[in-house]
Amino acid sequence: MKYAMLVCGDMSVWEARVAAEAERDGQELGAWFGRWGAAGKLAEGGAELQHPRTARTVRPGANGELSVHDGPYMELKEVVGGVVLLEADDLDEAISIAATWPGVVNGIATVEVRPLQPAG
């Protein structure tokens, strides 16, 4: 079954990382993707999202017209920074994989795991 792993954290913490920490983070993420990719647990890899200030929110407006706004819908300290699609036997296995995410291990991120709706 496929699961979405939503990587969440505080943008101010991520932005405050110095170059050495960012380089270490990149190496740890590379190792994480290598480990779980080789184990066949990554459904389609992952995608890092750009800064929330680049986001646009589209919602219904007055008279059936669409309303487009800059940024995320809500002002939140913690935002989704990326998405990884996992292939796991069950939710417990998906959670076990997510628990090894370097940002979780290093205390700078949280990960939300959700089953994907089956196609069709």
PDB file of N, CA and C in Angstrom:
ATOM      1  N   MET A   1       0.847  -1.177   0.000  1.00  0.00           N
ATOM      2  CA  MET A   1       0.000   0.000   0.000  1.00  0.00           C
ATOM      3  C   MET A   1       0.891   1.238   0.000  1.00  0.00           C
ATOM      4  N   LYS A   2       0.391   2.330  -0.582  1.00  0.00           N
ATOM      5  CA  LYS A   2       1.152   3.566  -0.643  1.00  0.00           C
ATOM      6  C   LYS A   2       0.726   4.524   0.464  1.00  0.00           C
ATOM      7  N   TYR A   3       1.721   5.236   0.977  1.00  0.00           N
ATOM      8  CA  TYR A   3       1.519   6.206   2.050  1.00  0.00           C
ATOM      9  C   TYR A   3       2.238   7.499   1.683  1.00  0.00           C
ATOM     10  N   ALA A   4       1.630   8.620   2.034  1.00  0.00           N
ATOM     11  CA  ALA A   4       2.279   9.918   1.886  1.00  0.00           C
ATOM     12  C   ALA A   4       2.933  10.269   3.210  1.00  0.00           C
ATOM     13  N   MET A   5       4.167  10.682   3.144  1.00  0.00           N
ATOM     14  CA  MET A   5       4.905  11.138   4.311  1.00  0.00           C
ATOM     15  C   MET A   5       5.086  12.644   4.131  1.00  0.00           C
ATOM     16  N   LEU A   6       4.348  13.430   4.906  1.00  0.00           N
ATOM     17  CA  LEU A   6       4.413  14.886   4.827  1.00  0.00           C
ATOM     18  C   LEU A   6       5.435  15.381   5.848  1.00  0.00           C
ATOM     19  N   VAL A   7       6.486  16.008   5.364  1.00  0.00           N
ATOM     20  CA  VAL A   7       7.554  16.496   6.237  1.00  0.00           C
ATOM     21  C   VAL A   7       7.225  17.927   6.633  1.00  0.00           C
ATOM     22  N   CYS A   8       7.072  18.164   7.933  1.00  0.00           N
ATOM     23  CA  CYS A   8       6.641  19.461   8.451  1.00  0.00           C
ATOM     24  C   CYS A   8       7.688  20.025   9.396  1.00  0.00           C
ATOM     25  N   GLY A   9       7.757  21.339   9.450  1.00  0.00           N
ATOM     26  CA  GLY A   9       8.665  21.975  10.394  1.00  0.00           C
ATOM     27  C   GLY A   9       8.495  23.473  10.397  1.00  0.00           C
ATOM     28  N   ASP A  10       9.261  24.115  11.235  1.00  0.00           N
ATOM     29  CA  ASP A  10       9.246  25.558  11.407  1.00  0.00           C
ATOM     30  C   ASP A  10      10.236  26.163  10.412  1.00  0.00           C
ATOM     31  N   MET A  11       9.749  26.962   9.463  1.00  0.00           N
ATOM     32  CA  MET A  11      10.623  27.549   8.434  1.00  0.00           C
ATOM     33  C   MET A  11      11.762  28.349   9.054  1.00  0.00           C
ATOM     34  N   SER A  12      11.503  29.043  10.157  1.00  0.00           N
ATOM     35  CA  SER A  12      12.565  29.858  10.764  1.00  0.00           C
ATOM     36  C   SER A  12      13.706  28.979  11.274  1.00  0.00           C
ATOM     37  N   VAL A  13      13.386  27.779  11.751  1.00  0.00           N
ATOM     38  CA  VAL A  13      14.428  26.845  12.208  1.00  0.00           C
ATOM     39  C   VAL A  13      15.210  26.333  11.000  1.00  0.00           C
ATOM     40  N   TRP A  14      14.489  25.942   9.935  1.00  0.00           N
ATOM     41  CA  TRP A  14      15.174  25.441   8.734  1.00  0.00           C
ATOM     42  C   TRP A  14      16.060  26.516   8.130  1.00  0.00           C
ATOM     43  N   GLU A  15      15.574  27.758   8.085  1.00  0.00           N
ATOM     44  CA  GLU A  15      16.346  28.840   7.485  1.00  0.00           C
ATOM     45  C   GLU A  15      17.547  29.237   8.326  1.00  0.00           C
ATOM     46  N   ALA A  16      17.509  28.982   9.622  1.00  0.00           N
ATOM     47  CA  ALA A  16      18.598  29.360  10.514  1.00  0.00           C
ATOM     48  C   ALA A  16      19.760  28.362  10.477  1.00  0.00           C
ATOM     49  N   ARG A  17      19.606  27.257   9.775  1.00  0.00           N
ATOM     50  CA  ARG A  17      20.668  26.254   9.710  1.00  0.00           C
ATOM     51  C   ARG A  17      21.893  26.858   9.029  1.00  0.00           C
ATOM     52  N   VAL A  18      23.050  26.682   9.623  1.00  0.00           N
ATOM     53  CA  VAL A  18      24.295  27.167   9.014  1.00  0.00           C
ATOM     54  C   VAL A  18      24.736  26.190   7.928  1.00  0.00           C
ATOM     55  N   ALA A  19      25.670  26.618   7.100  1.00  0.00           N
ATOM     56  CA  ALA A  19      26.092  25.830   5.938  1.00  0.00           C
ATOM     57  C   ALA A  19      26.536  24.419   6.330  1.00  0.00           C
ATOM     58  N   ALA A  20      27.274  24.269   7.415  1.00  0.00           N
ATOM     59  CA  ALA A  20      27.755  22.946   7.823  1.00  0.00           C
ATOM     60  C   ALA A  20      26.591  22.036   8.196  1.00  0.00           C
ATOM     61  N   GLU A  21      25.602  22.588   8.890  1.00  0.00           N
ATOM     62  CA  GLU A  21      24.422  21.797   9.254  1.00  0.00           C
ATOM     63  C   GLU A  21      23.620  21.424   8.016  1.00  0.00           C
ATOM     64  N   ALA A  22      23.464  22.361   7.090  1.00  0.00           N
ATOM     65  CA  ALA A  22      22.717  22.097   5.859  1.00  0.00           C
ATOM     66  C   ALA A  22      23.414  21.022   5.030  1.00  0.00           C
ATOM     67  N   GLU A  23      24.736  21.067   4.974  1.00  0.00           N
ATOM     68  CA  GLU A  23      25.482  20.041   4.234  1.00  0.00           C
ATOM     69  C   GLU A  23      25.305  18.673   4.888  1.00  0.00           C
ATOM     70  N   ARG A  24      25.393  18.635   6.204  1.00  0.00           N
ATOM     71  CA  ARG A  24      25.179  17.373   6.927  1.00  0.00           C
ATOM     72  C   ARG A  24      23.762  16.857   6.697  1.00  0.00           C
ATOM     73  N   ASP A  25      22.787  17.770   6.741  1.00  0.00           N
ATOM     74  CA  ASP A  25      21.398  17.381   6.487  1.00  0.00           C
ATOM     75  C   ASP A  25      21.267  16.746   5.110  1.00  0.00           C
ATOM     76  N   GLY A  26      21.899  17.354   4.105  1.00  0.00           N
ATOM     77  CA  GLY A  26      21.843  16.823   2.745  1.00  0.00           C
ATOM     78  C   GLY A  26      22.446  15.432   2.648  1.00  0.00           C
ATOM     79  N   GLN A  27      23.544  15.223   3.333  1.00  0.00           N
ATOM     80  CA  GLN A  27      24.179  13.895   3.332  1.00  0.00           C
ATOM     81  C   GLN A  27      23.283  12.870   4.016  1.00  0.00           C
ATOM     82  N   GLU A  28      22.687  13.254   5.137  1.00  0.00           N
ATOM     83  CA  GLU A  28      21.795  12.337   5.850  1.00  0.00           C
ATOM     84  C   GLU A  28      20.555  12.000   5.015  1.00  0.00           C
ATOM     85  N   LEU A  29      20.022  13.005   4.314  1.00  0.00           N
ATOM     86  CA  LEU A  29      18.861  12.746   3.459  1.00  0.00           C
ATOM     87  C   LEU A  29      19.236  11.828   2.298  1.00  0.00           C
ATOM     88  N   GLY A  30      20.407  12.040   1.709  1.00  0.00           N
ATOM     89  CA  GLY A  30      20.876  11.170   0.634  1.00  0.00           C
ATOM     90  C   GLY A  30      20.996   9.732   1.110  1.00  0.00           C
ATOM     91  N   ALA A  31      21.547   9.554   2.303  1.00  0.00           N
ATOM     92  CA  ALA A  31      21.673   8.205   2.870  1.00  0.00           C
ATOM     93  C   ALA A  31      20.299   7.601   3.152  1.00  0.00           C
ATOM     94  N   TRP A  32      19.367   8.418   3.649  1.00  0.00           N
ATOM     95  CA  TRP A  32      18.012   7.937   3.941  1.00  0.00           C
ATOM     96  C   TRP A  32      17.332   7.460   2.661  1.00  0.00           C
ATOM     97  N   PHE A  33      17.386   8.285   1.610  1.00  0.00           N
ATOM     98  CA  PHE A  33      16.770   7.893   0.335  1.00  0.00           C
ATOM     99  C   PHE A  33      17.462   6.663  -0.239  1.00  0.00           C
ATOM    100  N   GLY A  34      18.777   6.568  -0.093  1.00  0.00           N
ATOM    101  CA  GLY A  34      19.506   5.391  -0.566  1.00  0.00           C
ATOM    102  C   GLY A  34      19.074   4.130   0.168  1.00  0.00           C
ATOM    103  N   ARG A  35      18.960   4.226   1.484  1.00  0.00           N
ATOM    104  CA  ARG A  35      18.569   3.071   2.309  1.00  0.00           C
ATOM    105  C   ARG A  35      17.186   2.568   1.936  1.00  0.00           C
ATOM    106  N   TRP A  36      16.205   3.480   1.945  1.00  0.00           N
ATOM    107  CA  TRP A  36      14.824   3.042   1.730  1.00  0.00           C
ATOM    108  C   TRP A  36      14.517   2.797   0.253  1.00  0.00           C
ATOM    109  N   GLY A  37      15.235   3.460  -0.640  1.00  0.00           N
ATOM    110  CA  GLY A  37      15.078   3.169  -2.065  1.00  0.00           C
ATOM    111  C   GLY A  37      15.558   1.765  -2.388  1.00  0.00           C
ATOM    112  N   ALA A  38      16.730   1.397  -1.841  1.00  0.00           N
ATOM    113  CA  ALA A  38      17.273   0.055  -2.059  1.00  0.00           C
ATOM    114  C   ALA A  38      16.369  -1.019  -1.463  1.00  0.00           C
ATOM    115  N   ALA A  39      15.658  -0.679  -0.396  1.00  0.00           N
ATOM    116  CA  ALA A  39      14.749  -1.636   0.251  1.00  0.00           C
ATOM    117  C   ALA A  39      13.402  -1.713  -0.468  1.00  0.00           C
ATOM    118  N   GLY A  40      13.220  -0.906  -1.512  1.00  0.00           N
ATOM    119  CA  GLY A  40      11.958  -0.919  -2.260  1.00  0.00           C
ATOM    120  C   GLY A  40      10.807  -0.250  -1.541  1.00  0.00           C
ATOM    121  N   LYS A  41      11.111   0.663  -0.613  1.00  0.00           N
ATOM    122  CA  LYS A  41      10.063   1.295   0.190  1.00  0.00           C
ATOM    123  C   LYS A  41       9.707   2.704  -0.261  1.00  0.00           C
ATOM    124  N   LEU A  42      10.341   3.203  -1.327  1.00  0.00           N
ATOM    125  CA  LEU A  42       9.984   4.514  -1.857  1.00  0.00           C
ATOM    126  C   LEU A  42       9.155   4.309  -3.110  1.00  0.00           C
ATOM    127  N   ALA A  43       7.909   4.744  -3.054  1.00  0.00           N
ATOM    128  CA  ALA A  43       7.007   4.548  -4.190  1.00  0.00           C
ATOM    129  C   ALA A  43       7.422   5.417  -5.369  1.00  0.00           C
ATOM    130  N   GLU A  44       7.741   6.677  -5.113  1.00  0.00           N
ATOM    131  CA  GLU A  44       8.103   7.585  -6.198  1.00  0.00           C
ATOM    132  C   GLU A  44       9.107   8.629  -5.738  1.00  0.00           C
ATOM    133  N   GLY A  45       9.895   8.323  -4.749  1.00  0.00           N
ATOM    134  CA  GLY A  45      10.867   9.292  -4.271  1.00  0.00           C
ATOM    135  C   GLY A  45      10.223  10.375  -3.439  1.00  0.00           C
ATOM    136  N   GLY A  46      10.657  11.606  -3.637  1.00  0.00           N
ATOM    137  CA  GLY A  46      10.129  12.696  -2.842  1.00  0.00           C
ATOM    138  C   GLY A  46      10.254  14.021  -3.566  1.00  0.00           C
ATOM    139  N   ALA A  47       9.711  15.054  -2.960  1.00  0.00           N
ATOM    140  CA  ALA A  47       9.784  16.389  -3.530  1.00  0.00           C
ATOM    141  C   ALA A  47       9.856  17.410  -2.412  1.00  0.00           C
ATOM    142  N   GLU A  48      10.881  18.259  -2.465  1.00  0.00           N
ATOM    143  CA  GLU A  48      10.993  19.349  -1.514  1.00  0.00           C
ATOM    144  C   GLU A  48      10.186  20.520  -2.059  1.00  0.00           C
ATOM    145  N   LEU A  49       9.408  21.147  -1.209  1.00  0.00           N
ATOM    146  CA  LEU A  49       8.589  22.278  -1.630  1.00  0.00           C
ATOM    147  C   LEU A  49       9.370  23.578  -1.471  1.00  0.00           C
ATOM    148  N   GLN A  50       9.074  24.546  -2.326  1.00  0.00           N
ATOM    149  CA  GLN A  50       9.673  25.867  -2.181  1.00  0.00           C
ATOM    150  C   GLN A  50       9.089  26.557  -0.961  1.00  0.00           C
ATOM    151  N   HIS A  51       9.677  27.686  -0.599  1.00  0.00           N
ATOM    152  CA  HIS A  51       9.261  28.466   0.574  1.00  0.00           C
ATOM    153  C   HIS A  51       7.759  28.788   0.483  1.00  0.00           C
ATOM    154  N   PRO A  52       7.063  28.785   1.623  1.00  0.00           N
ATOM    155  CA  PRO A  52       5.625  29.088   1.612  1.00  0.00           C
ATOM    156  C   PRO A  52       5.280  30.435   0.979  1.00  0.00           C
ATOM    157  N   ARG A  53       6.197  31.381   0.981  1.00  0.00           N
ATOM    158  CA  ARG A  53       5.882  32.684   0.375  1.00  0.00           C
ATOM    159  C   ARG A  53       5.666  32.566  -1.134  1.00  0.00           C
ATOM    160  N   THR A  54       6.083  31.435  -1.737  1.00  0.00           N
ATOM    161  CA  THR A  54       5.852  31.229  -3.174  1.00  0.00           C
ATOM    162  C   THR A  54       4.496  30.591  -3.442  1.00  0.00           C
ATOM    163  N   ALA A  55       3.791  30.203  -2.390  1.00  0.00           N
ATOM    164  CA  ALA A  55       2.503  29.507  -2.534  1.00  0.00           C
ATOM    165  C   ALA A  55       1.381  30.462  -2.920  1.00  0.00           C
ATOM    166  N   ARG A  56       0.387  29.910  -3.556  1.00  0.00           N
ATOM    167  CA  ARG A  56      -0.851  30.624  -3.842  1.00  0.00           C
ATOM    168  C   ARG A  56      -1.995  29.724  -3.386  1.00  0.00           C
ATOM    169  N   THR A  57      -2.988  30.321  -2.775  1.00  0.00           N
ATOM    170  CA  THR A  57      -4.154  29.583  -2.312  1.00  0.00           C
ATOM    171  C   THR A  57      -5.341  29.972  -3.182  1.00  0.00           C
ATOM    172  N   VAL A  58      -6.007  28.969  -3.714  1.00  0.00           N
ATOM    173  CA  VAL A  58      -7.173  29.192  -4.567  1.00  0.00           C
ATOM    174  C   VAL A  58      -8.391  28.683  -3.811  1.00  0.00           C
ATOM    175  N   ARG A  59      -9.400  29.538  -3.701  1.00  0.00           N
ATOM    176  CA  ARG A  59     -10.627  29.146  -3.013  1.00  0.00           C
ATOM    177  C   ARG A  59     -11.821  29.809  -3.669  1.00  0.00           C
ATOM    178  N   PRO A  60     -13.011  29.284  -3.389  1.00  0.00           N
ATOM    179  CA  PRO A  60     -14.196  29.910  -3.975  1.00  0.00           C
ATOM    180  C   PRO A  60     -14.370  31.315  -3.414  1.00  0.00           C
ATOM    181  N   GLY A  61     -14.742  32.221  -4.287  1.00  0.00           N
ATOM    182  CA  GLY A  61     -14.992  33.591  -3.868  1.00  0.00           C
ATOM    183  C   GLY A  61     -16.454  33.940  -4.049  1.00  0.00           C
ATOM    184  N   ALA A  62     -16.723  35.225  -4.005  1.00  0.00           N
ATOM    185  CA  ALA A  62     -18.087  35.714  -4.161  1.00  0.00           C
ATOM    186  C   ALA A  62     -18.607  35.446  -5.572  1.00  0.00           C
ATOM    187  N   ASN A  63     -19.882  35.188  -5.675  1.00  0.00           N
ATOM    188  CA  ASN A  63     -20.555  35.005  -6.963  1.00  0.00           C
ATOM    189  C   ASN A  63     -19.959  33.873  -7.796  1.00  0.00           C
ATOM    190  N   GLY A  64     -19.374  32.866  -7.150  1.00  0.00           N
ATOM    191  CA  GLY A  64     -18.839  31.727  -7.869  1.00  0.00           C
ATOM    192  C   GLY A  64     -17.493  31.965  -8.515  1.00  0.00           C
ATOM    193  N   GLU A  65     -16.931  33.157  -8.356  1.00  0.00           N
ATOM    194  CA  GLU A  65     -15.613  33.440  -8.916  1.00  0.00           C
ATOM    195  C   GLU A  65     -14.538  32.896  -7.990  1.00  0.00           C
ATOM    196  N   LEU A  66     -13.397  32.565  -8.576  1.00  0.00           N
ATOM    197  CA  LEU A  66     -12.286  32.077  -7.766  1.00  0.00           C
ATOM    198  C   LEU A  66     -11.537  33.239  -7.147  1.00  0.00           C
ATOM    199  N   SER A  67     -11.009  32.995  -5.980  1.00  0.00           N
ATOM    200  CA  SER A  67     -10.216  33.982  -5.263  1.00  0.00           C
ATOM    201  C   SER A  67      -8.821  33.390  -5.071  1.00  0.00           C
ATOM    202  N   VAL A  68      -7.796  34.090  -5.510  1.00  0.00           N
ATOM    203  CA  VAL A  68      -6.415  33.620  -5.396  1.00  0.00           C
ATOM    204  C   VAL A  68      -5.675  34.550  -4.449  1.00  0.00           C
ATOM    205  N   HIS A  69      -4.997  33.957  -3.455  1.00  0.00           N
ATOM    206  CA  HIS A  69      -4.283  34.731  -2.443  1.00  0.00           C
ATOM    207  C   HIS A  69      -2.835  34.273  -2.361  1.00  0.00           C
ATOM    208  N   ASP A  70      -1.958  35.196  -2.005  1.00  0.00           N
ATOM    209  CA  ASP A  70      -0.558  34.856  -1.812  1.00  0.00           C
ATOM    210  C   ASP A  70      -0.392  34.032  -0.551  1.00  0.00           C
ATOM    211  N   GLY A  71       0.546  33.099  -0.588  1.00  0.00           N
ATOM    212  CA  GLY A  71       0.924  32.335   0.589  1.00  0.00           C
ATOM    213  C   GLY A  71      -0.040  31.229   0.943  1.00  0.00           C
ATOM    214  N   PRO A  72       0.296  30.528   2.010  1.00  0.00           N
ATOM    215  CA  PRO A  72      -0.579  29.440   2.462  1.00  0.00           C
ATOM    216  C   PRO A  72      -1.878  29.995   3.028  1.00  0.00           C
ATOM    217  N   TYR A  73      -2.863  29.125   3.115  1.00  0.00           N
ATOM    218  CA  TYR A  73      -4.194  29.518   3.575  1.00  0.00           C
ATOM    219  C   TYR A  73      -4.168  30.100   4.978  1.00  0.00           C
ATOM    220  N   MET A  74      -3.452  29.435   5.871  1.00  0.00           N
ATOM    221  CA  MET A  74      -3.409  29.891   7.260  1.00  0.00           C
ATOM    222  C   MET A  74      -2.001  30.338   7.611  1.00  0.00           C
ATOM    223  N   GLU A  75      -1.909  31.283   8.501  1.00  0.00           N
ATOM    224  CA  GLU A  75      -0.612  31.698   9.020  1.00  0.00           C
ATOM    225  C   GLU A  75      -0.191  30.691  10.076  1.00  0.00           C
ATOM    226  N   LEU A  76       0.761  29.871   9.729  1.00  0.00           N
ATOM    227  CA  LEU A  76       1.218  28.832  10.635  1.00  0.00           C
ATOM    228  C   LEU A  76       2.716  28.941  10.844  1.00  0.00           C
ATOM    229  N   LYS A  77       3.152  28.580  12.019  1.00  0.00           N
ATOM    230  CA  LYS A  77       4.576  28.536  12.278  1.00  0.00           C
ATOM    231  C   LYS A  77       5.177  27.307  11.598  1.00  0.00           C
ATOM    232  N   GLU A  78       4.465  26.191  11.680  1.00  0.00           N
ATOM    233  CA  GLU A  78       4.942  24.951  11.082  1.00  0.00           C
ATOM    234  C   GLU A  78       4.261  24.751   9.734  1.00  0.00           C
ATOM    235  N   VAL A  79       5.054  24.425   8.721  1.00  0.00           N
ATOM    236  CA  VAL A  79       4.536  24.262   7.365  1.00  0.00           C
ATOM    237  C   VAL A  79       5.005  22.926   6.793  1.00  0.00           C
ATOM    238  N   VAL A  80       4.344  22.471   5.726  1.00  0.00           N
ATOM    239  CA  VAL A  80       4.783  21.280   5.010  1.00  0.00           C
ATOM    240  C   VAL A  80       5.939  21.701   4.113  1.00  0.00           C
ATOM    241  N   GLY A  81       7.065  21.027   4.258  1.00  0.00           N
ATOM    242  CA  GLY A  81       8.256  21.356   3.480  1.00  0.00           C
ATOM    243  C   GLY A  81       8.552  20.367   2.375  1.00  0.00           C
ATOM    244  N   GLY A  82       7.917  19.202   2.429  1.00  0.00           N
ATOM    245  CA  GLY A  82       8.163  18.200   1.404  1.00  0.00           C
ATOM    246  C   GLY A  82       7.233  17.016   1.550  1.00  0.00           C
ATOM    247  N   VAL A  83       7.231  16.193   0.509  1.00  0.00           N
ATOM    248  CA  VAL A  83       6.374  15.010   0.467  1.00  0.00           C
ATOM    249  C   VAL A  83       7.205  13.841  -0.052  1.00  0.00           C
ATOM    250  N   VAL A  84       7.072  12.697   0.606  1.00  0.00           N
ATOM    251  CA  VAL A  84       7.711  11.466   0.150  1.00  0.00           C
ATOM    252  C   VAL A  84       6.625  10.406   0.063  1.00  0.00           C
ATOM    253  N   LEU A  85       6.591   9.663  -1.038  1.00  0.00           N
ATOM    254  CA  LEU A  85       5.621   8.580  -1.177  1.00  0.00           C
ATOM    255  C   LEU A  85       6.298   7.258  -0.841  1.00  0.00           C
ATOM    256  N   LEU A  86       5.718   6.582   0.132  1.00  0.00           N
ATOM    257  CA  LEU A  86       6.257   5.314   0.610  1.00  0.00           C
ATOM    258  C   LEU A  86       5.437   4.146   0.097  1.00  0.00           C
ATOM    259  N   GLU A  87       6.076   3.012  -0.018  1.00  0.00           N
ATOM    260  CA  GLU A  87       5.417   1.738  -0.301  1.00  0.00           C
ATOM    261  C   GLU A  87       5.677   0.880   0.928  1.00  0.00           C
ATOM    262  N   ALA A  88       4.616   0.558   1.663  1.00  0.00           N
ATOM    263  CA  ALA A  88       4.772  -0.211   2.904  1.00  0.00           C
ATOM    264  C   ALA A  88       3.668  -1.253   3.006  1.00  0.00           C
ATOM    265  N   ASP A  89       3.944  -2.298   3.768  1.00  0.00           N
ATOM    266  CA  ASP A  89       2.957  -3.369   3.940  1.00  0.00           C
ATOM    267  C   ASP A  89       1.735  -2.903   4.718  1.00  0.00           C
ATOM    268  N   ASP A  90       1.963  -1.991   5.683  1.00  0.00           N
ATOM    269  CA  ASP A  90       0.862  -1.492   6.504  1.00  0.00           C
ATOM    270  C   ASP A  90       1.278  -0.175   7.155  1.00  0.00           C
ATOM    271  N   LEU A  91       0.360   0.442   7.876  1.00  0.00           N
ATOM    272  CA  LEU A  91       0.624   1.732   8.502  1.00  0.00           C
ATOM    273  C   LEU A  91       1.766   1.650   9.505  1.00  0.00           C
ATOM    274  N   ASP A  92       1.851   0.553  10.248  1.00  0.00           N
ATOM    275  CA  ASP A  92       2.927   0.421  11.226  1.00  0.00           C
ATOM    276  C   ASP A  92       4.299   0.453  10.557  1.00  0.00           C
ATOM    277  N   GLU A  93       4.426  -0.220   9.413  1.00  0.00           N
ATOM    278  CA  GLU A  93       5.704  -0.200   8.712  1.00  0.00           C
ATOM    279  C   GLU A  93       5.994   1.206   8.179  1.00  0.00           C
ATOM    280  N   ALA A  94       4.975   1.883   7.636  1.00  0.00           N
ATOM    281  CA  ALA A  94       5.164   3.243   7.142  1.00  0.00           C
ATOM    282  C   ALA A  94       5.619   4.171   8.270  1.00  0.00           C
ATOM    283  N   ILE A  95       5.054   4.020   9.442  1.00  0.00           N
ATOM    284  CA  ILE A  95       5.451   4.836  10.597  1.00  0.00           C
ATOM    285  C   ILE A  95       6.892   4.516  11.001  1.00  0.00           C
ATOM    286  N   SER A  96       7.257   3.248  10.963  1.00  0.00           N
ATOM    287  CA  SER A  96       8.637   2.858  11.301  1.00  0.00           C
ATOM    288  C   SER A  96       9.634   3.495  10.341  1.00  0.00           C
ATOM    289  N   ILE A  97       9.294   3.540   9.068  1.00  0.00           N
ATOM    290  CA  ILE A  97      10.167   4.180   8.077  1.00  0.00           C
ATOM    291  C   ILE A  97      10.234   5.679   8.338  1.00  0.00           C
ATOM    292  N   ALA A  98       9.075   6.304   8.545  1.00  0.00           N
ATOM    293  CA  ALA A  98       9.019   7.745   8.787  1.00  0.00           C
ATOM    294  C   ALA A  98       9.806   8.147  10.033  1.00  0.00           C
ATOM    295  N   ALA A  99       9.826   7.288  11.015  1.00  0.00           N
ATOM    296  CA  ALA A  99      10.531   7.591  12.268  1.00  0.00           C
ATOM    297  C   ALA A  99      12.035   7.711  12.072  1.00  0.00           C
ATOM    298  N   THR A 100      12.545   7.220  10.944  1.00  0.00           N
ATOM    299  CA  THR A 100      13.984   7.314  10.676  1.00  0.00           C
ATOM    300  C   THR A 100      14.343   8.547   9.855  1.00  0.00           C
ATOM    301  N   TRP A 101      13.350   9.373   9.477  1.00  0.00           N
ATOM    302  CA  TRP A 101      13.611  10.588   8.700  1.00  0.00           C
ATOM    303  C   TRP A 101      14.619  11.446   9.471  1.00  0.00           C
ATOM    304  N   PRO A 102      15.713  11.893   8.843  1.00  0.00           N
ATOM    305  CA  PRO A 102      16.749  12.637   9.562  1.00  0.00           C
ATOM    306  C   PRO A 102      16.247  13.852  10.333  1.00  0.00           C
ATOM    307  N   GLY A 103      15.279  14.585   9.802  1.00  0.00           N
ATOM    308  CA  GLY A 103      14.753  15.744  10.526  1.00  0.00           C
ATOM    309  C   GLY A 103      14.057  15.370  11.808  1.00  0.00           C
ATOM    310  N   VAL A 104      13.414  14.207  11.827  1.00  0.00           N
ATOM    311  CA  VAL A 104      12.776  13.713  13.049  1.00  0.00           C
ATOM    312  C   VAL A 104      13.858  13.312  14.048  1.00  0.00           C
ATOM    313  N   VAL A 105      14.837  12.573  13.561  1.00  0.00           N
ATOM    314  CA  VAL A 105      15.933  12.116  14.421  1.00  0.00           C
ATOM    315  C   VAL A 105      16.679  13.310  15.014  1.00  0.00           C
ATOM    316  N   ASN A 106      16.887  14.372  14.205  1.00  0.00           N
ATOM    317  CA  ASN A 106      17.616  15.557  14.658  1.00  0.00           C
ATOM    318  C   ASN A 106      16.745  16.565  15.400  1.00  0.00           C
ATOM    319  N   GLY A 107      15.443  16.302  15.496  1.00  0.00           N
ATOM    320  CA  GLY A 107      14.543  17.167  16.250  1.00  0.00           C
ATOM    321  C   GLY A 107      14.150  18.463  15.567  1.00  0.00           C
ATOM    322  N   ILE A 108      14.255  18.534  14.223  1.00  0.00           N
ATOM    323  CA  ILE A 108      13.901  19.784  13.538  1.00  0.00           C
ATOM    324  C   ILE A 108      12.695  19.626  12.621  1.00  0.00           C
ATOM    325  N   ALA A 109      12.064  18.463  12.635  1.00  0.00           N
ATOM    326  CA  ALA A 109      10.903  18.238  11.775  1.00  0.00           C
ATOM    327  C   ALA A 109       9.964  17.232  12.424  1.00  0.00           C
ATOM    328  N   THR A 110       8.729  17.269  11.972  1.00  0.00           N
ATOM    329  CA  THR A 110       7.767  16.230  12.305  1.00  0.00           C
ATOM    330  C   THR A 110       7.311  15.631  10.983  1.00  0.00           C
ATOM    331  N   VAL A 111       6.801  14.428  11.037  1.00  0.00           N
ATOM    332  CA  VAL A 111       6.354  13.756   9.829  1.00  0.00           C
ATOM    333  C   VAL A 111       4.949  13.229  10.054  1.00  0.00           C
ATOM    334  N   GLU A 112       4.070  13.575   9.131  1.00  0.00           N
ATOM    335  CA  GLU A 112       2.706  13.046   9.147  1.00  0.00           C
ATOM    336  C   GLU A 112       2.633  11.943   8.102  1.00  0.00           C
ATOM    337  N   VAL A 113       2.106  10.795   8.487  1.00  0.00           N
ATOM    338  CA  VAL A 113       1.982   9.666   7.571  1.00  0.00           C
ATOM    339  C   VAL A 113       0.504   9.421   7.302  1.00  0.00           C
ATOM    340  N   ARG A 114       0.145   9.367   6.006  1.00  0.00           N
ATOM    341  CA  ARG A 114      -1.252   9.134   5.630  1.00  0.00           C
ATOM    342  C   ARG A 114      -1.329   8.104   4.515  1.00  0.00           C
ATOM    343  N   PRO A 115      -2.259   7.158   4.644  1.00  0.00           N
ATOM    344  CA  PRO A 115      -2.492   6.224   3.544  1.00  0.00           C
ATOM    345  C   PRO A 115      -3.073   6.978   2.343  1.00  0.00           C
ATOM    346  N   LEU A 116      -2.659   6.594   1.148  1.00  0.00           N
ATOM    347  CA  LEU A 116      -3.242   7.162  -0.062  1.00  0.00           C
ATOM    348  C   LEU A 116      -4.516   6.421  -0.418  1.00  0.00           C
ATOM    349  N   GLN A 117      -5.457   7.124  -0.982  1.00  0.00           N
ATOM    350  CA  GLN A 117      -6.673   6.499  -1.461  1.00  0.00           C
ATOM    351  C   GLN A 117      -6.307   5.606  -2.656  1.00  0.00           C
ATOM    352  N   PRO A 118      -6.835   4.413  -2.738  1.00  0.00           N
ATOM    353  CA  PRO A 118      -6.562   3.573  -3.899  1.00  0.00           C
ATOM    354  C   PRO A 118      -7.100   4.243  -5.169  1.00  0.00           C
ATOM    355  N   ALA A 119      -6.376   4.056  -6.275  1.00  0.00           N
ATOM    356  CA  ALA A 119      -6.822   4.619  -7.557  1.00  0.00           C
ATOM    357  C   ALA A 119      -8.116   3.969  -7.985  1.00  0.00           C
ATOM    358  N   GLY A 120      -8.958   4.755  -8.628  1.00  0.00           N
ATOM    359  CA  GLY A 120     -10.183   4.204  -9.176  1.00  0.00           C
ATOM    360  C   GLY A 120     -11.270   4.266  -8.251  1.00  0.00           C
TER     361      GLY A 120
END
